[in-house]
Each structure stands twice: as structure tokens, then as C-alpha cells.
N, C-alpha and C. Protein backbone atom coordinates (compact mmCIF):
# COMPACT_ATOMS: atom_id res chain seq x y z
N UNK A 1 61.41 -25.37 14.95
CA UNK A 1 61.59 -24.22 15.83
C UNK A 1 61.94 -22.97 15.03
N UNK A 2 62.77 -23.14 13.96
CA UNK A 2 63.18 -21.99 13.16
C UNK A 2 61.98 -21.35 12.47
N UNK A 3 61.01 -22.18 12.01
CA UNK A 3 59.82 -21.64 11.36
C UNK A 3 58.97 -20.84 12.34
N UNK A 4 58.86 -21.34 13.58
CA UNK A 4 58.09 -20.63 14.60
C UNK A 4 58.73 -19.29 14.91
N UNK A 5 60.07 -19.25 15.04
CA UNK A 5 60.77 -18.00 15.29
C UNK A 5 60.59 -17.02 14.15
N UNK A 6 60.59 -17.54 12.91
CA UNK A 6 60.39 -16.69 11.75
C UNK A 6 59.01 -16.06 11.75
N UNK A 7 57.98 -16.86 12.09
CA UNK A 7 56.61 -16.34 12.13
C UNK A 7 56.45 -15.29 13.20
N UNK A 8 57.04 -15.54 14.39
CA UNK A 8 56.96 -14.57 15.48
C UNK A 8 57.70 -13.29 15.14
N UNK A 9 58.80 -13.40 14.44
CA UNK A 9 59.57 -12.22 14.05
C UNK A 9 58.78 -11.35 13.08
N UNK A 10 58.10 -11.98 12.12
CA UNK A 10 57.30 -11.24 11.14
C UNK A 10 56.13 -10.55 11.83
N UNK A 11 55.47 -11.26 12.78
CA UNK A 11 54.35 -10.68 13.50
C UNK A 11 54.80 -9.47 14.31
N UNK A 12 55.97 -9.56 14.98
CA UNK A 12 56.50 -8.45 15.76
C UNK A 12 56.85 -7.29 14.86
N UNK A 13 57.41 -7.58 13.71
CA UNK A 13 57.78 -6.53 12.76
C UNK A 13 56.56 -5.78 12.25
N UNK A 14 55.44 -6.48 12.10
CA UNK A 14 54.22 -5.84 11.60
C UNK A 14 53.67 -4.84 12.61
N UNK A 15 53.84 -5.11 13.91
CA UNK A 15 53.40 -4.17 14.93
C UNK A 15 54.34 -2.96 15.02
N UNK A 16 55.65 -3.21 14.83
CA UNK A 16 56.60 -2.12 14.89
C UNK A 16 56.47 -1.20 13.68
N UNK A 17 56.23 -1.79 12.51
CA UNK A 17 56.09 -1.02 11.27
C UNK A 17 54.73 -1.28 10.67
N UNK A 18 53.71 -0.55 11.09
CA UNK A 18 52.34 -0.81 10.61
C UNK A 18 52.17 -0.56 9.14
N UNK A 19 53.13 0.15 8.50
CA UNK A 19 52.99 0.40 7.06
C UNK A 19 53.25 -0.84 6.25
N UNK A 20 53.85 -1.85 6.87
CA UNK A 20 54.11 -3.08 6.15
C UNK A 20 52.87 -3.96 6.17
N UNK A 21 52.56 -4.58 5.05
CA UNK A 21 51.36 -5.40 4.94
C UNK A 21 51.70 -6.87 5.13
N UNK A 22 50.76 -7.60 5.73
CA UNK A 22 50.93 -9.05 5.85
C UNK A 22 51.02 -9.70 4.48
N UNK A 23 50.42 -9.05 3.46
CA UNK A 23 50.45 -9.65 2.13
C UNK A 23 51.87 -9.85 1.63
N UNK A 24 52.82 -9.06 2.14
CA UNK A 24 54.20 -9.19 1.72
C UNK A 24 54.83 -10.48 2.24
N UNK A 25 54.19 -11.09 3.26
CA UNK A 25 54.79 -12.24 3.91
C UNK A 25 53.97 -13.52 3.75
N UNK A 26 53.06 -13.52 2.78
CA UNK A 26 52.24 -14.72 2.59
C UNK A 26 53.12 -15.93 2.29
N UNK A 27 54.09 -15.71 1.43
CA UNK A 27 55.05 -16.78 1.16
C UNK A 27 56.44 -16.24 1.46
N UNK A 28 57.04 -16.75 2.50
CA UNK A 28 58.39 -16.32 2.87
C UNK A 28 59.17 -17.54 3.32
N UNK A 29 60.10 -17.94 2.47
CA UNK A 29 60.87 -19.14 2.78
C UNK A 29 60.01 -20.39 2.76
N UNK A 30 58.91 -20.36 1.97
CA UNK A 30 58.04 -21.53 1.88
C UNK A 30 57.09 -21.67 3.03
N UNK A 31 57.01 -20.64 3.93
CA UNK A 31 56.15 -20.72 5.10
C UNK A 31 55.02 -19.72 4.97
N UNK A 32 53.76 -20.16 5.10
CA UNK A 32 52.62 -19.27 5.10
C UNK A 32 52.43 -18.71 6.50
N UNK A 33 52.61 -17.39 6.66
CA UNK A 33 52.58 -16.80 7.99
C UNK A 33 51.26 -16.10 8.29
N UNK A 34 50.63 -15.49 7.28
CA UNK A 34 49.37 -14.77 7.52
C UNK A 34 48.69 -14.52 6.19
N UNK A 35 47.39 -14.31 6.23
CA UNK A 35 46.62 -13.99 5.04
C UNK A 35 46.47 -12.48 4.90
N UNK A 36 46.54 -11.95 3.69
CA UNK A 36 46.40 -10.51 3.49
C UNK A 36 45.00 -10.04 3.83
N UNK A 37 44.89 -8.80 4.28
CA UNK A 37 43.59 -8.23 4.59
C UNK A 37 42.87 -7.85 3.30
N UNK A 38 41.54 -7.66 3.41
CA UNK A 38 40.77 -7.27 2.24
C UNK A 38 41.21 -5.89 1.77
N UNK A 39 41.51 -5.73 0.50
CA UNK A 39 42.00 -4.43 0.02
C UNK A 39 40.91 -3.38 -0.13
N UNK A 40 39.66 -3.81 -0.28
CA UNK A 40 38.57 -2.86 -0.46
C UNK A 40 37.38 -3.25 0.41
N UNK A 41 36.69 -2.25 0.93
CA UNK A 41 35.50 -2.46 1.74
C UNK A 41 34.29 -1.85 1.05
N UNK A 42 33.14 -2.50 1.18
CA UNK A 42 31.91 -1.99 0.60
C UNK A 42 30.93 -1.67 1.73
N UNK A 43 30.22 -0.55 1.60
CA UNK A 43 29.22 -0.15 2.59
C UNK A 43 27.89 0.04 1.88
N UNK A 44 26.84 -0.58 2.42
CA UNK A 44 25.52 -0.54 1.80
C UNK A 44 24.55 0.19 2.72
N UNK A 45 23.81 1.16 2.18
CA UNK A 45 22.80 1.90 2.93
C UNK A 45 21.56 2.08 2.07
N UNK A 46 20.43 2.43 2.72
CA UNK A 46 19.22 2.76 1.98
C UNK A 46 18.61 4.03 2.55
N UNK A 47 17.83 4.72 1.72
CA UNK A 47 17.26 6.00 2.10
C UNK A 47 16.02 5.81 2.97
N UNK A 48 16.00 6.50 4.12
CA UNK A 48 14.82 6.53 4.97
C UNK A 48 13.91 7.67 4.51
N UNK A 49 12.74 7.37 3.94
CA UNK A 49 11.86 8.44 3.44
C UNK A 49 11.34 9.37 4.53
N UNK A 50 11.42 8.94 5.78
CA UNK A 50 10.92 9.76 6.88
C UNK A 50 11.77 11.00 7.10
N UNK A 51 13.09 10.89 6.91
CA UNK A 51 13.98 12.03 7.16
C UNK A 51 15.00 12.26 6.04
N UNK A 52 14.89 11.50 4.94
CA UNK A 52 15.81 11.63 3.80
C UNK A 52 17.27 11.40 4.19
N UNK A 53 17.49 10.49 5.14
CA UNK A 53 18.84 10.13 5.56
C UNK A 53 19.12 8.68 5.16
N UNK A 54 20.36 8.41 4.73
CA UNK A 54 20.75 7.04 4.41
C UNK A 54 21.15 6.30 5.69
N UNK A 55 20.59 5.11 5.87
CA UNK A 55 20.83 4.32 7.08
C UNK A 55 21.20 2.89 6.68
N UNK A 56 21.74 2.16 7.66
CA UNK A 56 22.16 0.78 7.39
C UNK A 56 20.97 -0.15 7.15
N UNK A 57 19.92 -0.01 7.98
CA UNK A 57 18.74 -0.87 7.89
C UNK A 57 17.50 -0.08 8.33
N UNK A 58 16.34 -0.58 7.93
CA UNK A 58 15.06 -0.01 8.37
C UNK A 58 14.15 -1.17 8.76
N UNK A 59 13.75 -1.22 10.05
CA UNK A 59 12.79 -2.25 10.44
C UNK A 59 11.37 -1.72 10.23
N UNK A 60 10.38 -2.59 10.45
CA UNK A 60 8.99 -2.20 10.16
C UNK A 60 8.45 -1.14 11.09
N UNK A 61 9.09 -0.92 12.23
CA UNK A 61 8.66 0.15 13.13
C UNK A 61 9.21 1.51 12.70
N UNK A 62 10.34 1.49 11.99
CA UNK A 62 10.92 2.74 11.51
C UNK A 62 10.25 3.21 10.23
N UNK A 63 10.09 2.30 9.29
CA UNK A 63 9.39 2.62 8.04
C UNK A 63 9.06 1.33 7.31
N UNK A 64 7.86 1.27 6.75
CA UNK A 64 7.44 0.12 5.95
C UNK A 64 7.09 0.61 4.55
N UNK A 65 7.73 0.04 3.54
CA UNK A 65 7.49 0.43 2.16
C UNK A 65 6.22 -0.23 1.65
N UNK A 66 5.52 0.50 0.77
CA UNK A 66 4.26 0.04 0.20
C UNK A 66 4.43 -0.32 -1.27
N UNK A 67 3.45 -1.00 -1.87
CA UNK A 67 3.55 -1.37 -3.29
C UNK A 67 3.83 -0.16 -4.18
N UNK A 68 4.78 -0.37 -5.10
CA UNK A 68 5.19 0.62 -6.11
C UNK A 68 5.84 1.87 -5.51
N UNK A 69 6.24 1.79 -4.24
CA UNK A 69 6.97 2.91 -3.62
C UNK A 69 8.45 2.78 -3.95
N UNK A 70 9.12 3.92 -4.14
CA UNK A 70 10.53 3.93 -4.50
C UNK A 70 11.42 3.57 -3.32
N UNK A 71 12.44 2.74 -3.58
CA UNK A 71 13.45 2.37 -2.59
C UNK A 71 14.81 2.70 -3.19
N UNK A 72 15.59 3.55 -2.51
CA UNK A 72 16.87 4.01 -3.03
C UNK A 72 18.00 3.48 -2.15
N UNK A 73 19.01 2.89 -2.79
CA UNK A 73 20.18 2.37 -2.10
C UNK A 73 21.42 3.18 -2.48
N UNK A 74 22.38 3.19 -1.56
CA UNK A 74 23.67 3.84 -1.81
C UNK A 74 24.79 2.85 -1.49
N UNK A 75 25.71 2.69 -2.43
CA UNK A 75 26.82 1.76 -2.29
C UNK A 75 28.13 2.55 -2.34
N UNK A 76 28.99 2.34 -1.35
CA UNK A 76 30.29 3.02 -1.29
C UNK A 76 31.40 1.98 -1.19
N UNK A 77 32.38 2.10 -2.08
CA UNK A 77 33.53 1.21 -2.10
C UNK A 77 34.77 2.02 -1.75
N UNK A 78 35.57 1.54 -0.79
CA UNK A 78 36.73 2.29 -0.30
C UNK A 78 37.99 1.44 -0.38
N UNK A 79 39.06 2.03 -0.86
CA UNK A 79 40.38 1.40 -0.86
C UNK A 79 40.99 1.58 0.52
N UNK A 80 41.18 0.49 1.26
CA UNK A 80 41.69 0.58 2.63
C UNK A 80 43.16 0.19 2.70
N UNK A 81 43.84 0.10 1.55
CA UNK A 81 45.26 -0.23 1.54
C UNK A 81 46.07 1.05 1.32
N UNK A 82 47.38 0.88 1.29
CA UNK A 82 48.28 2.01 1.06
C UNK A 82 48.85 2.01 -0.34
N UNK A 83 48.19 1.30 -1.23
CA UNK A 83 48.61 1.27 -2.63
C UNK A 83 47.39 1.37 -3.53
N UNK A 84 47.63 1.70 -4.77
CA UNK A 84 46.53 1.83 -5.73
C UNK A 84 45.88 0.47 -5.99
N UNK A 85 44.56 0.51 -6.15
CA UNK A 85 43.81 -0.69 -6.52
C UNK A 85 43.27 -0.53 -7.93
N UNK A 86 43.23 -1.64 -8.64
CA UNK A 86 42.70 -1.62 -10.01
C UNK A 86 41.66 -2.71 -10.19
N UNK A 87 40.68 -2.40 -11.04
CA UNK A 87 39.67 -3.38 -11.44
C UNK A 87 38.93 -3.99 -10.25
N UNK A 88 38.32 -3.12 -9.44
CA UNK A 88 37.47 -3.59 -8.35
C UNK A 88 36.08 -3.89 -8.92
N UNK A 89 35.69 -5.16 -8.86
CA UNK A 89 34.41 -5.59 -9.43
C UNK A 89 33.31 -5.48 -8.37
N UNK A 90 32.28 -4.72 -8.68
CA UNK A 90 31.17 -4.49 -7.74
C UNK A 90 29.90 -5.12 -8.30
N UNK A 91 29.19 -5.86 -7.44
CA UNK A 91 27.91 -6.46 -7.82
C UNK A 91 26.88 -6.16 -6.75
N UNK A 92 25.70 -5.73 -7.18
CA UNK A 92 24.60 -5.49 -6.25
C UNK A 92 23.42 -6.36 -6.68
N UNK A 93 22.97 -7.21 -5.76
CA UNK A 93 21.91 -8.18 -6.06
C UNK A 93 20.59 -7.71 -5.49
N UNK A 94 19.58 -7.51 -6.34
CA UNK A 94 18.27 -7.04 -5.89
C UNK A 94 17.38 -8.22 -5.50
N UNK A 95 16.59 -8.07 -4.43
CA UNK A 95 15.61 -9.11 -4.07
C UNK A 95 14.48 -9.12 -5.09
N UNK A 96 13.73 -10.22 -5.12
CA UNK A 96 12.70 -10.41 -6.14
C UNK A 96 11.57 -9.39 -6.07
N UNK A 97 11.28 -8.86 -4.88
CA UNK A 97 10.13 -7.96 -4.76
C UNK A 97 10.42 -6.55 -5.28
N UNK A 98 11.67 -6.28 -5.68
CA UNK A 98 12.02 -4.96 -6.19
C UNK A 98 12.18 -4.99 -7.70
N UNK A 99 11.78 -3.91 -8.35
CA UNK A 99 12.00 -3.72 -9.78
C UNK A 99 13.07 -2.65 -9.97
N UNK A 100 13.98 -2.90 -10.88
CA UNK A 100 15.06 -1.96 -11.15
C UNK A 100 14.54 -0.73 -11.89
N UNK A 101 14.98 0.46 -11.46
CA UNK A 101 14.61 1.71 -12.13
C UNK A 101 15.82 2.32 -12.82
N UNK A 102 16.89 2.62 -12.05
CA UNK A 102 18.09 3.21 -12.63
C UNK A 102 19.26 3.08 -11.66
N UNK A 103 20.47 3.30 -12.18
CA UNK A 103 21.68 3.30 -11.35
C UNK A 103 22.62 4.37 -11.89
N UNK A 104 23.34 5.03 -10.98
CA UNK A 104 24.23 6.10 -11.41
C UNK A 104 25.47 5.56 -12.11
N UNK A 105 25.83 4.28 -11.87
CA UNK A 105 26.94 3.63 -12.56
C UNK A 105 26.57 2.19 -12.82
N UNK A 106 27.27 1.58 -13.78
CA UNK A 106 27.14 0.15 -13.99
C UNK A 106 26.05 -0.24 -14.97
N UNK A 107 25.92 -1.54 -15.17
CA UNK A 107 24.94 -2.12 -16.07
C UNK A 107 24.03 -3.07 -15.31
N UNK A 108 22.77 -3.11 -15.73
CA UNK A 108 21.79 -3.98 -15.07
C UNK A 108 21.64 -5.29 -15.83
N UNK A 109 21.80 -6.39 -15.10
CA UNK A 109 21.60 -7.73 -15.65
C UNK A 109 20.19 -8.18 -15.28
N UNK A 110 19.28 -8.16 -16.25
CA UNK A 110 17.89 -8.48 -15.98
C UNK A 110 17.70 -9.92 -15.55
N UNK A 111 18.46 -10.83 -16.12
CA UNK A 111 18.29 -12.25 -15.80
C UNK A 111 18.68 -12.57 -14.35
N UNK A 112 19.74 -11.92 -13.87
CA UNK A 112 20.21 -12.16 -12.51
C UNK A 112 19.74 -11.10 -11.51
N UNK A 113 19.00 -10.09 -11.99
CA UNK A 113 18.54 -8.98 -11.15
C UNK A 113 19.71 -8.37 -10.37
N UNK A 114 20.78 -8.04 -11.10
CA UNK A 114 21.97 -7.50 -10.45
C UNK A 114 22.53 -6.33 -11.24
N UNK A 115 23.14 -5.39 -10.51
CA UNK A 115 23.85 -4.27 -11.12
C UNK A 115 25.33 -4.57 -11.01
N UNK A 116 26.05 -4.48 -12.12
CA UNK A 116 27.46 -4.83 -12.15
C UNK A 116 28.28 -3.67 -12.70
N UNK A 117 29.42 -3.42 -12.06
CA UNK A 117 30.32 -2.38 -12.55
C UNK A 117 31.74 -2.70 -12.13
N UNK A 118 32.69 -2.09 -12.83
CA UNK A 118 34.10 -2.24 -12.51
C UNK A 118 34.70 -0.86 -12.25
N UNK A 119 35.31 -0.70 -11.08
CA UNK A 119 36.03 0.54 -10.76
C UNK A 119 37.46 0.35 -11.23
N UNK A 120 37.85 1.11 -12.25
CA UNK A 120 39.15 0.90 -12.88
C UNK A 120 40.31 1.15 -11.93
N UNK A 121 40.20 2.18 -11.09
CA UNK A 121 41.31 2.51 -10.19
C UNK A 121 40.80 3.21 -8.95
N UNK A 122 41.44 2.90 -7.83
CA UNK A 122 41.15 3.56 -6.56
C UNK A 122 42.48 3.86 -5.87
N UNK A 123 42.69 5.12 -5.53
CA UNK A 123 43.89 5.50 -4.81
C UNK A 123 43.75 5.12 -3.33
N UNK A 124 44.84 5.07 -2.59
CA UNK A 124 44.76 4.74 -1.16
C UNK A 124 43.81 5.67 -0.41
N UNK A 125 42.84 5.10 0.29
CA UNK A 125 41.86 5.88 1.03
C UNK A 125 40.75 6.46 0.20
N UNK A 126 40.77 6.29 -1.10
CA UNK A 126 39.74 6.86 -1.97
C UNK A 126 38.47 6.01 -1.96
N UNK A 127 37.32 6.67 -2.09
CA UNK A 127 36.03 5.98 -2.13
C UNK A 127 35.27 6.37 -3.40
N UNK A 128 34.48 5.45 -3.88
CA UNK A 128 33.55 5.69 -4.98
C UNK A 128 32.15 5.32 -4.51
N UNK A 129 31.19 6.21 -4.79
CA UNK A 129 29.81 6.00 -4.34
C UNK A 129 28.86 6.05 -5.53
N UNK A 130 27.90 5.14 -5.54
CA UNK A 130 26.84 5.20 -6.56
C UNK A 130 25.51 4.82 -5.94
N UNK A 131 24.43 5.27 -6.58
CA UNK A 131 23.08 5.02 -6.06
C UNK A 131 22.28 4.15 -7.02
N UNK A 132 21.38 3.39 -6.43
CA UNK A 132 20.50 2.51 -7.20
C UNK A 132 19.06 2.84 -6.83
N UNK A 133 18.25 3.15 -7.83
CA UNK A 133 16.84 3.42 -7.60
C UNK A 133 16.02 2.20 -8.02
N UNK A 134 15.15 1.78 -7.11
CA UNK A 134 14.26 0.65 -7.37
C UNK A 134 12.86 1.02 -6.91
N UNK A 135 11.91 0.14 -7.16
CA UNK A 135 10.58 0.33 -6.59
C UNK A 135 9.97 -1.02 -6.25
N UNK A 136 9.13 -1.01 -5.24
CA UNK A 136 8.45 -2.22 -4.81
C UNK A 136 7.45 -2.64 -5.88
N UNK A 137 7.31 -3.93 -6.08
CA UNK A 137 6.37 -4.44 -7.08
C UNK A 137 4.92 -4.12 -6.72
N UNK A 138 4.00 -4.38 -7.64
CA UNK A 138 2.59 -4.11 -7.43
C UNK A 138 2.03 -5.00 -6.31
N UNK A 139 0.89 -4.58 -5.75
CA UNK A 139 0.30 -5.28 -4.61
C UNK A 139 -0.02 -6.73 -4.93
N UNK A 140 -0.41 -7.00 -6.17
CA UNK A 140 -0.77 -8.38 -6.56
C UNK A 140 0.42 -9.33 -6.50
N UNK A 141 1.63 -8.78 -6.52
CA UNK A 141 2.83 -9.61 -6.50
C UNK A 141 3.43 -9.74 -5.11
N UNK A 142 2.71 -9.23 -4.09
CA UNK A 142 3.23 -9.25 -2.72
C UNK A 142 2.35 -10.12 -1.83
N UNK A 143 2.94 -10.77 -0.83
CA UNK A 143 2.13 -11.51 0.15
C UNK A 143 1.37 -10.55 1.06
N UNK A 144 0.39 -11.06 1.78
CA UNK A 144 -0.49 -10.22 2.59
C UNK A 144 0.18 -9.69 3.85
N UNK A 145 1.11 -10.43 4.39
CA UNK A 145 1.70 -10.03 5.67
C UNK A 145 2.89 -9.08 5.47
N UNK A 146 3.34 -8.47 6.56
CA UNK A 146 4.53 -7.63 6.53
C UNK A 146 5.76 -8.53 6.51
N UNK A 147 6.72 -8.26 5.65
CA UNK A 147 7.92 -9.08 5.57
C UNK A 147 9.12 -8.20 5.25
N UNK A 148 10.29 -8.69 5.58
CA UNK A 148 11.52 -7.92 5.39
C UNK A 148 12.44 -8.63 4.40
N UNK A 149 13.19 -7.82 3.66
CA UNK A 149 14.09 -8.33 2.63
C UNK A 149 15.49 -7.73 2.82
N UNK A 150 16.48 -8.38 2.23
CA UNK A 150 17.86 -7.93 2.33
C UNK A 150 18.43 -7.71 0.94
N UNK A 151 19.10 -6.57 0.77
CA UNK A 151 19.78 -6.24 -0.47
C UNK A 151 21.29 -6.37 -0.25
N UNK A 152 21.97 -7.12 -1.11
CA UNK A 152 23.38 -7.45 -0.93
C UNK A 152 24.25 -6.72 -1.94
N UNK A 153 25.37 -6.14 -1.45
CA UNK A 153 26.41 -5.58 -2.31
C UNK A 153 27.72 -6.31 -2.05
N UNK A 154 28.51 -6.51 -3.12
CA UNK A 154 29.78 -7.24 -3.00
C UNK A 154 30.84 -6.55 -3.85
N UNK A 155 32.06 -6.45 -3.30
CA UNK A 155 33.21 -5.95 -4.06
C UNK A 155 34.30 -7.01 -4.04
N UNK A 156 34.92 -7.24 -5.20
CA UNK A 156 35.97 -8.25 -5.31
C UNK A 156 37.19 -7.62 -5.97
N UNK A 157 38.34 -7.77 -5.30
CA UNK A 157 39.62 -7.30 -5.82
C UNK A 157 40.64 -8.40 -5.64
N UNK A 158 41.25 -8.81 -6.74
CA UNK A 158 42.28 -9.88 -6.71
C UNK A 158 41.81 -11.08 -5.88
N UNK A 159 40.62 -11.55 -6.19
CA UNK A 159 40.04 -12.75 -5.57
C UNK A 159 39.74 -12.60 -4.08
N UNK A 160 39.73 -11.37 -3.59
CA UNK A 160 39.35 -11.12 -2.20
C UNK A 160 38.06 -10.31 -2.19
N UNK A 161 37.10 -10.74 -1.35
CA UNK A 161 35.74 -10.20 -1.41
C UNK A 161 35.31 -9.60 -0.08
N UNK A 162 34.54 -8.52 -0.17
CA UNK A 162 33.88 -7.94 1.00
C UNK A 162 32.41 -7.74 0.66
N UNK A 163 31.52 -7.95 1.62
CA UNK A 163 30.08 -7.85 1.40
C UNK A 163 29.42 -7.01 2.48
N UNK A 164 28.29 -6.39 2.11
CA UNK A 164 27.49 -5.66 3.09
C UNK A 164 26.04 -5.72 2.63
N UNK A 165 25.10 -5.62 3.57
CA UNK A 165 23.68 -5.72 3.25
C UNK A 165 22.90 -4.56 3.85
N UNK A 166 21.73 -4.31 3.30
CA UNK A 166 20.77 -3.35 3.85
C UNK A 166 19.41 -4.03 3.88
N UNK A 167 18.75 -3.98 5.03
CA UNK A 167 17.46 -4.66 5.22
C UNK A 167 16.33 -3.64 5.29
N UNK A 168 15.21 -3.97 4.64
CA UNK A 168 14.03 -3.11 4.64
C UNK A 168 12.78 -3.99 4.71
N UNK A 169 11.64 -3.38 5.05
CA UNK A 169 10.40 -4.14 5.20
C UNK A 169 9.31 -3.60 4.28
N UNK A 170 8.41 -4.49 3.88
CA UNK A 170 7.36 -4.17 2.92
C UNK A 170 6.02 -4.67 3.44
N UNK A 171 4.97 -3.89 3.17
CA UNK A 171 3.60 -4.30 3.52
C UNK A 171 2.70 -4.07 2.31
N UNK A 172 1.70 -4.92 2.18
CA UNK A 172 0.78 -4.80 1.05
C UNK A 172 -0.15 -3.61 1.19
N UNK A 173 -0.44 -3.19 2.43
CA UNK A 173 -1.31 -2.06 2.67
C UNK A 173 -0.83 -1.29 3.89
N UNK A 174 -1.35 -0.08 4.04
CA UNK A 174 -0.95 0.76 5.17
C UNK A 174 -1.36 0.08 6.46
N UNK A 175 -0.41 -0.04 7.39
CA UNK A 175 -0.70 -0.74 8.64
C UNK A 175 -1.72 0.03 9.47
N UNK A 176 -2.73 -0.69 10.02
CA UNK A 176 -3.72 -0.08 10.90
C UNK A 176 -4.87 0.58 10.17
N UNK A 177 -4.87 0.55 8.83
CA UNK A 177 -5.95 1.18 8.06
C UNK A 177 -6.54 0.13 7.14
N UNK A 178 -7.84 -0.05 7.19
CA UNK A 178 -8.51 -1.01 6.33
C UNK A 178 -8.64 -0.44 4.94
N UNK A 179 -8.75 -1.31 3.96
CA UNK A 179 -8.79 -0.87 2.57
C UNK A 179 -10.15 -0.29 2.18
N UNK A 180 -11.24 -0.62 2.90
CA UNK A 180 -12.56 -0.07 2.57
C UNK A 180 -13.40 0.06 3.82
N UNK A 181 -14.43 0.90 3.75
CA UNK A 181 -15.33 1.09 4.87
C UNK A 181 -16.26 -0.10 5.03
N UNK A 182 -16.73 -0.38 6.24
CA UNK A 182 -17.66 -1.49 6.43
C UNK A 182 -18.95 -1.26 5.64
N UNK A 183 -19.44 -2.31 5.04
CA UNK A 183 -20.67 -2.22 4.25
C UNK A 183 -21.90 -2.28 5.16
N UNK A 184 -22.92 -1.51 4.80
CA UNK A 184 -24.17 -1.49 5.55
C UNK A 184 -25.21 -2.31 4.81
N UNK A 185 -25.67 -3.38 5.45
CA UNK A 185 -26.64 -4.25 4.81
C UNK A 185 -28.07 -3.79 5.06
N UNK A 186 -29.08 -4.42 4.41
CA UNK A 186 -30.49 -4.04 4.56
C UNK A 186 -30.97 -4.13 6.01
N UNK A 187 -30.51 -5.16 6.75
CA UNK A 187 -30.93 -5.31 8.15
C UNK A 187 -30.47 -4.15 9.00
N UNK A 188 -29.23 -3.68 8.76
CA UNK A 188 -28.70 -2.56 9.53
C UNK A 188 -29.45 -1.27 9.20
N UNK A 189 -29.81 -1.10 7.94
CA UNK A 189 -30.55 0.10 7.53
C UNK A 189 -31.92 0.16 8.20
N UNK A 190 -32.64 -0.98 8.26
CA UNK A 190 -33.94 -1.04 8.89
C UNK A 190 -33.84 -0.74 10.37
N UNK A 191 -32.79 -1.29 11.02
CA UNK A 191 -32.61 -1.06 12.45
C UNK A 191 -32.38 0.42 12.73
N UNK A 192 -31.57 1.07 11.92
CA UNK A 192 -31.31 2.50 12.10
C UNK A 192 -32.59 3.32 11.91
N UNK A 193 -33.44 2.91 10.95
CA UNK A 193 -34.69 3.63 10.71
C UNK A 193 -35.63 3.51 11.91
N UNK A 194 -35.72 2.30 12.49
CA UNK A 194 -36.58 2.08 13.64
C UNK A 194 -36.12 2.90 14.84
N UNK A 195 -34.79 2.90 15.08
CA UNK A 195 -34.26 3.67 16.21
C UNK A 195 -34.51 5.16 16.03
N UNK A 196 -34.34 5.66 14.80
CA UNK A 196 -34.57 7.08 14.54
C UNK A 196 -36.04 7.44 14.77
N UNK A 197 -36.94 6.55 14.33
CA UNK A 197 -38.37 6.80 14.52
C UNK A 197 -38.74 6.79 16.00
N UNK A 198 -38.12 5.88 16.77
CA UNK A 198 -38.39 5.78 18.19
C UNK A 198 -37.93 7.04 18.92
N UNK A 199 -36.73 7.53 18.58
CA UNK A 199 -36.24 8.76 19.20
C UNK A 199 -37.13 9.95 18.86
N UNK A 200 -37.64 10.00 17.65
CA UNK A 200 -38.52 11.09 17.24
C UNK A 200 -39.83 11.06 18.01
N UNK A 201 -40.38 9.83 18.19
CA UNK A 201 -41.64 9.70 18.92
C UNK A 201 -41.47 10.12 20.38
N UNK A 202 -40.36 9.69 20.98
CA UNK A 202 -40.09 10.08 22.38
C UNK A 202 -39.96 11.59 22.50
N UNK A 203 -39.30 12.20 21.53
CA UNK A 203 -39.13 13.65 21.56
C UNK A 203 -40.45 14.38 21.48
N UNK A 204 -41.37 13.90 20.64
CA UNK A 204 -42.68 14.54 20.51
C UNK A 204 -43.50 14.39 21.78
N UNK A 205 -43.41 13.20 22.41
CA UNK A 205 -44.15 12.97 23.66
C UNK A 205 -43.63 13.89 24.75
N UNK A 206 -42.31 14.05 24.86
CA UNK A 206 -41.73 14.91 25.88
C UNK A 206 -42.14 16.37 25.66
N UNK A 207 -42.16 16.78 24.43
CA UNK A 207 -42.59 18.16 24.15
C UNK A 207 -44.06 18.35 24.53
N UNK A 208 -44.91 17.32 24.28
CA UNK A 208 -46.34 17.42 24.63
C UNK A 208 -46.52 17.52 26.13
N UNK A 209 -45.74 16.70 26.88
CA UNK A 209 -45.85 16.71 28.33
C UNK A 209 -45.43 18.09 28.90
N UNK A 210 -44.36 18.60 28.36
CA UNK A 210 -43.88 19.92 28.81
C UNK A 210 -44.92 21.00 28.52
N UNK A 211 -45.58 20.89 27.36
CA UNK A 211 -46.59 21.87 26.97
C UNK A 211 -47.79 21.82 27.92
N UNK A 212 -48.25 20.59 28.26
CA UNK A 212 -49.39 20.44 29.14
C UNK A 212 -49.09 20.92 30.54
N UNK A 213 -47.87 20.61 31.05
CA UNK A 213 -47.51 21.05 32.39
C UNK A 213 -47.39 22.58 32.48
N UNK A 214 -47.09 23.17 31.36
CA UNK A 214 -46.94 24.63 31.38
C UNK A 214 -48.27 25.35 31.33
N UNK A 215 -49.38 24.67 31.05
CA UNK A 215 -50.70 25.35 30.95
C UNK A 215 -51.29 25.55 32.33
């Protein structure tokens, strides 16, 4: 009963004094009362080429990326605690269909197709933002149908992790447009010639009839 009263007292105290963190009470008198909240949050967005605005996701009706077209992501990490944070590890994992171009911060791991960086310090409420430029692979490396992919960002501070994703869609060719004009075979050419000759003959006959009626 005493442990239950202790847990209820701590919970009530947290509502009365919101500046106090549950992390202070993880171990109190040998009793685990609550788990600490994530100290940092990550937000993942990508650039919509239609309006140059960063959005959470893009479905195939909003925009479909084509082979070798640039795809730009923005990652924002925010300290949501009331104390300084140190050594926030950020990882961004690229899907296989994208090739890495550049990043405003961090190092690119070619083997894992990931961008990695460490934010040394973040003050309470402070955010750090960086951008990643990629491009869609060549058409030969893409399937024929329209498909969507997800790009994942992760931040880890003191063994606590937050993740966010941005989804986009890719097509091998422009939707609704064929890659080449229909070919005209010998049979079609002969048919067109016959029809043209027939129309010409009819026109000459009509002109002759009109001429005779006018005499």
C-alpha cells in the first residue's frame, strides 16, 4: 500500500509542478514509477517541387519523381526538455532507389547508405536543421510501375530514440505519356495512299458535275 501511495503522490506532484520531470523519479526508494520522456524529437520533411514547400509526405497524385530527378529532405532535431542536451546522435537512412548527392552536416556512410552526425549541444527548446540532397537512380535501375518509398531519420540521446519518416513516389516515365509515337507500317501507308486517291477522284468528279450543270 505504501508503494502505491508513493506512486500516486509523485504523479500528483508532477501535475502540480510541471517543471519537474518524471526522469527524476525513475528510481525512488527502489520503486520504478514512470519512464522519462524522449529528450529530443526529430522531424522529417521533403521538398515538393510543385510549390517549393517542405511537406511531411508526397503521394503519387501530389507529385511523382522521375529517374535522375533531385529529391531534397530536411531534418530538424529539437530539444524538448528544460535542460541542455549533449551528443545527440542523428542518423538518416536512404532507400536503395536514391543516390546521395550532398548534406549540409554530417558524414555519408556509403556501405549503409546513411548520413550520420552528432549534435554536440542543444539548449532547451533549441533546434538544429540540416538538408540532404539526393537524386533518383537511372531508369534502368527502377521497376516499371509507380511505387512509393520511405526515408527514415532517427535521433538518439542517452539511449532514448525518436524517429520520423517522409514518403515519396517514383515512376519510370511520365504518367499518361508514352515514350514514343506509334509506328506506321507498310500496310498503313498503302491504306492512307488509297484513301487519299479515292478522295481526290471523288473531288474531281464533283467538280466535273458542277461544271456540266452550270453550262
